[in-house]
């Protein structure tokens, strides 16, 4: 999916809502084919955020969490407070398939954070058995 929106920064509430709708499009597309949970809490926020910052992680989750996975299950968490954006995704993946794109998606996001939000974020990923998880906490200013 390609974003039709070409602005570089959005109000944090707008971007969180955009990511919510983006994930929901995928949910509808994979209805009956994958178990997809989306937990959100979007509160008012006066900060701005880089547009499409989270999309590499979202796209990768759907690619790696559904393709060639026996029982696809993905869980997204998106929380926006006045000062923080927290994003998490956890999904089952097929450990027999090594996909370099997962590492690249993580590095893309990390590089964007280093450029636009130096020292304002925590970004972690973890593999445990057949589960992959990523969490981002971004301090907004």
C-alpha atoms as a PDB file:
ATOM      1  CA  UNK A   1       0.000   0.000   0.000  1.00  0.00           C
ATOM      2  CA  UNK A   2       1.250   3.460  -0.825  1.00  0.00           C
ATOM      3  CA  UNK A   3       0.341   6.524   1.147  1.00  0.00           C
ATOM      4  CA  UNK A   4      -1.526   9.109  -0.926  1.00  0.00           C
ATOM      5  CA  UNK A   5      -0.521  11.770   1.585  1.00  0.00           C
ATOM      6  CA  UNK A   6       2.690  13.654   0.899  1.00  0.00           C
ATOM      7  CA  UNK A   7       3.074  15.859   3.979  1.00  0.00           C
ATOM      8  CA  UNK A   8       6.250  15.271   5.935  1.00  0.00           C
ATOM      9  CA  UNK A   9       4.837  15.877   9.433  1.00  0.00           C
ATOM     10  CA  UNK A  10       1.373  15.317  10.887  1.00  0.00           C
ATOM     11  CA  UNK A  11      -0.174  16.184  14.196  1.00  0.00           C
ATOM     12  CA  UNK A  12       0.440  13.145  16.376  1.00  0.00           C
ATOM     13  CA  UNK A  13      -3.309  12.434  16.687  1.00  0.00           C
ATOM     14  CA  UNK A  14      -3.707  12.480  12.902  1.00  0.00           C
ATOM     15  CA  UNK A  15      -0.745  10.160  12.387  1.00  0.00           C
ATOM     16  CA  UNK A  16      -1.940   7.721  15.061  1.00  0.00           C
ATOM     17  CA  UNK A  17      -5.394   7.667  13.453  1.00  0.00           C
ATOM     18  CA  UNK A  18      -3.795   7.180  10.042  1.00  0.00           C
ATOM     19  CA  UNK A  19      -1.761   4.186  11.302  1.00  0.00           C
ATOM     20  CA  UNK A  20      -4.922   2.779  12.910  1.00  0.00           C
ATOM     21  CA  UNK A  21      -6.808   3.006   9.600  1.00  0.00           C
ATOM     22  CA  UNK A  22      -3.836   1.600   7.692  1.00  0.00           C
ATOM     23  CA  UNK A  23      -3.716  -1.480   9.949  1.00  0.00           C
ATOM     24  CA  UNK A  24      -7.501  -1.818   9.729  1.00  0.00           C
ATOM     25  CA  UNK A  25      -7.271  -1.991   5.921  1.00  0.00           C
ATOM     26  CA  UNK A  26      -4.943  -4.946   6.259  1.00  0.00           C
ATOM     27  CA  UNK A  27      -7.248  -6.518   8.862  1.00  0.00           C
ATOM     28  CA  UNK A  28     -10.157  -6.366   6.452  1.00  0.00           C
ATOM     29  CA  UNK A  29      -8.014  -7.771   3.651  1.00  0.00           C
ATOM     30  CA  UNK A  30      -6.958 -10.768   5.757  1.00  0.00           C
ATOM     31  CA  UNK A  31     -10.291 -11.418   7.497  1.00  0.00           C
ATOM     32  CA  UNK A  32     -10.656 -15.156   7.986  1.00  0.00           C
ATOM     33  CA  UNK A  33      -7.040 -15.795   6.975  1.00  0.00           C
ATOM     34  CA  UNK A  34      -5.248 -14.427  10.026  1.00  0.00           C
ATOM     35  CA  UNK A  35      -5.981 -13.497  13.616  1.00  0.00           C
ATOM     36  CA  UNK A  36      -5.197  -9.792  13.883  1.00  0.00           C
ATOM     37  CA  UNK A  37      -5.678  -7.768  17.062  1.00  0.00           C
ATOM     38  CA  UNK A  38      -5.383  -4.010  17.262  1.00  0.00           C
ATOM     39  CA  UNK A  39      -5.416  -2.272  20.638  1.00  0.00           C
ATOM     40  CA  UNK A  40      -5.427   1.512  20.507  1.00  0.00           C
ATOM     41  CA  UNK A  41      -5.614   4.427  22.870  1.00  0.00           C
ATOM     42  CA  UNK A  42      -5.342   7.756  21.101  1.00  0.00           C
ATOM     43  CA  UNK A  43      -5.472  10.803  23.354  1.00  0.00           C
ATOM     44  CA  UNK A  44      -5.240  14.483  22.424  1.00  0.00           C
ATOM     45  CA  UNK A  45      -1.701  15.611  21.677  1.00  0.00           C
ATOM     46  CA  UNK A  46      -0.373  18.910  20.360  1.00  0.00           C
ATOM     47  CA  UNK A  47       2.886  17.491  19.038  1.00  0.00           C
ATOM     48  CA  UNK A  48       3.890  16.751  15.472  1.00  0.00           C
ATOM     49  CA  UNK A  49       5.328  13.481  14.207  1.00  0.00           C
ATOM     50  CA  UNK A  50       7.104  12.333  11.062  1.00  0.00           C
ATOM     51  CA  UNK A  51       4.538  10.923   8.655  1.00  0.00           C
ATOM     52  CA  UNK A  52       4.827   7.214   7.753  1.00  0.00           C
ATOM     53  CA  UNK A  53       7.434   6.592  10.455  1.00  0.00           C
ATOM     54  CA  UNK A  54       5.741   3.350  11.555  1.00  0.00           C
ATOM     55  CA  UNK A  55       4.720   1.988   8.165  1.00  0.00           C
ATOM     56  CA  UNK A  56       7.877  -0.074   7.474  1.00  0.00           C
ATOM     57  CA  UNK A  57       7.238  -1.961  10.736  1.00  0.00           C
ATOM     58  CA  UNK A  58       3.534  -2.399   9.973  1.00  0.00           C
ATOM     59  CA  UNK A  59       4.131  -3.582   6.406  1.00  0.00           C
ATOM     60  CA  UNK A  60       6.828  -5.992   7.545  1.00  0.00           C
ATOM     61  CA  UNK A  61       4.570  -7.429  10.251  1.00  0.00           C
ATOM     62  CA  UNK A  62       1.921  -8.272   7.677  1.00  0.00           C
ATOM     63  CA  UNK A  63       4.440  -9.660   5.200  1.00  0.00           C
ATOM     64  CA  UNK A  64       6.445 -11.752   7.685  1.00  0.00           C
ATOM     65  CA  UNK A  65       3.562 -12.555  10.003  1.00  0.00           C
ATOM     66  CA  UNK A  66       1.203 -13.946   7.361  1.00  0.00           C
ATOM     67  CA  UNK A  67       3.134 -15.247   4.354  1.00  0.00           C
ATOM     68  CA  UNK A  68       4.203 -18.888   4.840  1.00  0.00           C
ATOM     69  CA  UNK A  69       2.946 -18.924   8.444  1.00  0.00           C
ATOM     70  CA  UNK A  70       0.727 -21.855   9.376  1.00  0.00           C
ATOM     71  CA  UNK A  71      -1.564 -20.040  11.854  1.00  0.00           C
ATOM     72  CA  UNK A  72      -1.006 -16.293  11.375  1.00  0.00           C
ATOM     73  CA  UNK A  73      -1.533 -14.212  14.515  1.00  0.00           C
ATOM     74  CA  UNK A  74      -0.570 -10.562  14.863  1.00  0.00           C
ATOM     75  CA  UNK A  75      -1.115  -8.155  17.737  1.00  0.00           C
ATOM     76  CA  UNK A  76      -0.638  -4.407  17.378  1.00  0.00           C
ATOM     77  CA  UNK A  77      -0.623  -1.860  20.203  1.00  0.00           C
ATOM     78  CA  UNK A  78      -0.799   1.851  19.518  1.00  0.00           C
ATOM     79  CA  UNK A  79      -0.968   4.370  22.335  1.00  0.00           C
ATOM     80  CA  UNK A  80      -0.714   8.142  22.148  1.00  0.00           C
ATOM     81  CA  UNK A  81      -0.534  10.356  25.208  1.00  0.00           C
ATOM     82  CA  UNK A  82       0.251  14.037  25.468  1.00  0.00           C
ATOM     83  CA  UNK A  83       4.002  13.343  25.487  1.00  0.00           C
ATOM     84  CA  UNK A  84       4.557   9.819  24.125  1.00  0.00           C
ATOM     85  CA  UNK A  85       3.731   7.578  21.218  1.00  0.00           C
ATOM     86  CA  UNK A  86       4.052   3.892  22.003  1.00  0.00           C
ATOM     87  CA  UNK A  87       3.838   1.315  19.247  1.00  0.00           C
ATOM     88  CA  UNK A  88       4.226  -2.414  19.572  1.00  0.00           C
ATOM     89  CA  UNK A  89       3.717  -5.383  17.325  1.00  0.00           C
ATOM     90  CA  UNK A  90       4.074  -9.052  18.059  1.00  0.00           C
ATOM     91  CA  UNK A  91       3.516 -11.864  15.613  1.00  0.00           C
ATOM     92  CA  UNK A  92       4.186 -15.493  14.889  1.00  0.00           C
ATOM     93  CA  UNK A  93       6.663 -16.024  12.068  1.00  0.00           C
ATOM     94  CA  UNK A  94       8.087 -18.996  10.229  1.00  0.00           C
ATOM     95  CA  UNK A  95      11.641 -19.460  11.598  1.00  0.00           C
ATOM     96  CA  UNK A  96      12.518 -21.672   8.615  1.00  0.00           C
ATOM     97  CA  UNK A  97      12.262 -18.655   6.331  1.00  0.00           C
ATOM     98  CA  UNK A  98      14.977 -16.053   6.797  1.00  0.00           C
ATOM     99  CA  UNK A  99      13.688 -12.779   5.427  1.00  0.00           C
ATOM    100  CA  UNK A 100      16.216  -9.967   5.281  1.00  0.00           C
ATOM    101  CA  UNK A 101      13.371  -7.479   4.798  1.00  0.00           C
ATOM    102  CA  UNK A 102      12.470  -7.727   8.494  1.00  0.00           C
ATOM    103  CA  UNK A 103      15.934  -6.505   9.470  1.00  0.00           C
ATOM    104  CA  UNK A 104      15.801  -3.791   6.801  1.00  0.00           C
ATOM    105  CA  UNK A 105      12.384  -2.525   7.986  1.00  0.00           C
ATOM    106  CA  UNK A 106      13.714  -2.282  11.541  1.00  0.00           C
ATOM    107  CA  UNK A 107      16.870  -0.469  10.388  1.00  0.00           C
ATOM    108  CA  UNK A 108      14.840   1.964   8.242  1.00  0.00           C
ATOM    109  CA  UNK A 109      12.731   2.905  11.229  1.00  0.00           C
ATOM    110  CA  UNK A 110      15.766   3.161  13.487  1.00  0.00           C
ATOM    111  CA  UNK A 111      17.561   5.439  11.007  1.00  0.00           C
ATOM    112  CA  UNK A 112      14.515   7.713  10.732  1.00  0.00           C
ATOM    113  CA  UNK A 113      14.376   7.923  14.517  1.00  0.00           C
ATOM    114  CA  UNK A 114      18.088   8.782  14.752  1.00  0.00           C
ATOM    115  CA  UNK A 115      17.653  11.595  12.235  1.00  0.00           C
ATOM    116  CA  UNK A 116      14.347  13.087  13.411  1.00  0.00           C
ATOM    117  CA  UNK A 117      14.208  12.128  17.108  1.00  0.00           C
ATOM    118  CA  UNK A 118      17.759  11.741  18.450  1.00  0.00           C
ATOM    119  CA  UNK A 119      17.786  10.609  22.073  1.00  0.00           C
ATOM    120  CA  UNK A 120      13.971  10.730  22.234  1.00  0.00           C
ATOM    121  CA  UNK A 121      13.152   7.092  21.604  1.00  0.00           C
ATOM    122  CA  UNK A 122      13.531   3.522  22.737  1.00  0.00           C
ATOM    123  CA  UNK A 123      13.314   0.916  19.977  1.00  0.00           C
ATOM    124  CA  UNK A 124      13.695  -2.774  20.739  1.00  0.00           C
ATOM    125  CA  UNK A 125      13.059  -6.025  18.939  1.00  0.00           C
ATOM    126  CA  UNK A 126      13.121  -9.595  20.134  1.00  0.00           C
ATOM    127  CA  UNK A 127      12.838 -13.090  18.714  1.00  0.00           C
ATOM    128  CA  UNK A 128      11.605 -15.800  21.026  1.00  0.00           C
ATOM    129  CA  UNK A 129      10.996 -19.262  19.590  1.00  0.00           C
ATOM    130  CA  UNK A 130       8.563 -18.500  16.745  1.00  0.00           C
ATOM    131  CA  UNK A 131       7.485 -15.041  17.909  1.00  0.00           C
ATOM    132  CA  UNK A 132       8.907 -11.698  16.808  1.00  0.00           C
ATOM    133  CA  UNK A 133       8.154  -8.480  18.647  1.00  0.00           C
ATOM    134  CA  UNK A 134       9.046  -4.830  18.243  1.00  0.00           C
ATOM    135  CA  UNK A 135       8.344  -1.990  20.635  1.00  0.00           C
ATOM    136  CA  UNK A 136       8.889   1.714  20.129  1.00  0.00           C
ATOM    137  CA  UNK A 137       8.433   4.436  22.693  1.00  0.00           C
ATOM    138  CA  UNK A 138       8.866   7.911  21.270  1.00  0.00           C
ATOM    139  CA  UNK A 139       8.966  11.071  23.347  1.00  0.00           C
ATOM    140  CA  UNK A 140       7.131  13.814  21.506  1.00  0.00           C
ATOM    141  CA  UNK A 141       8.046  17.477  21.808  1.00  0.00           C
END
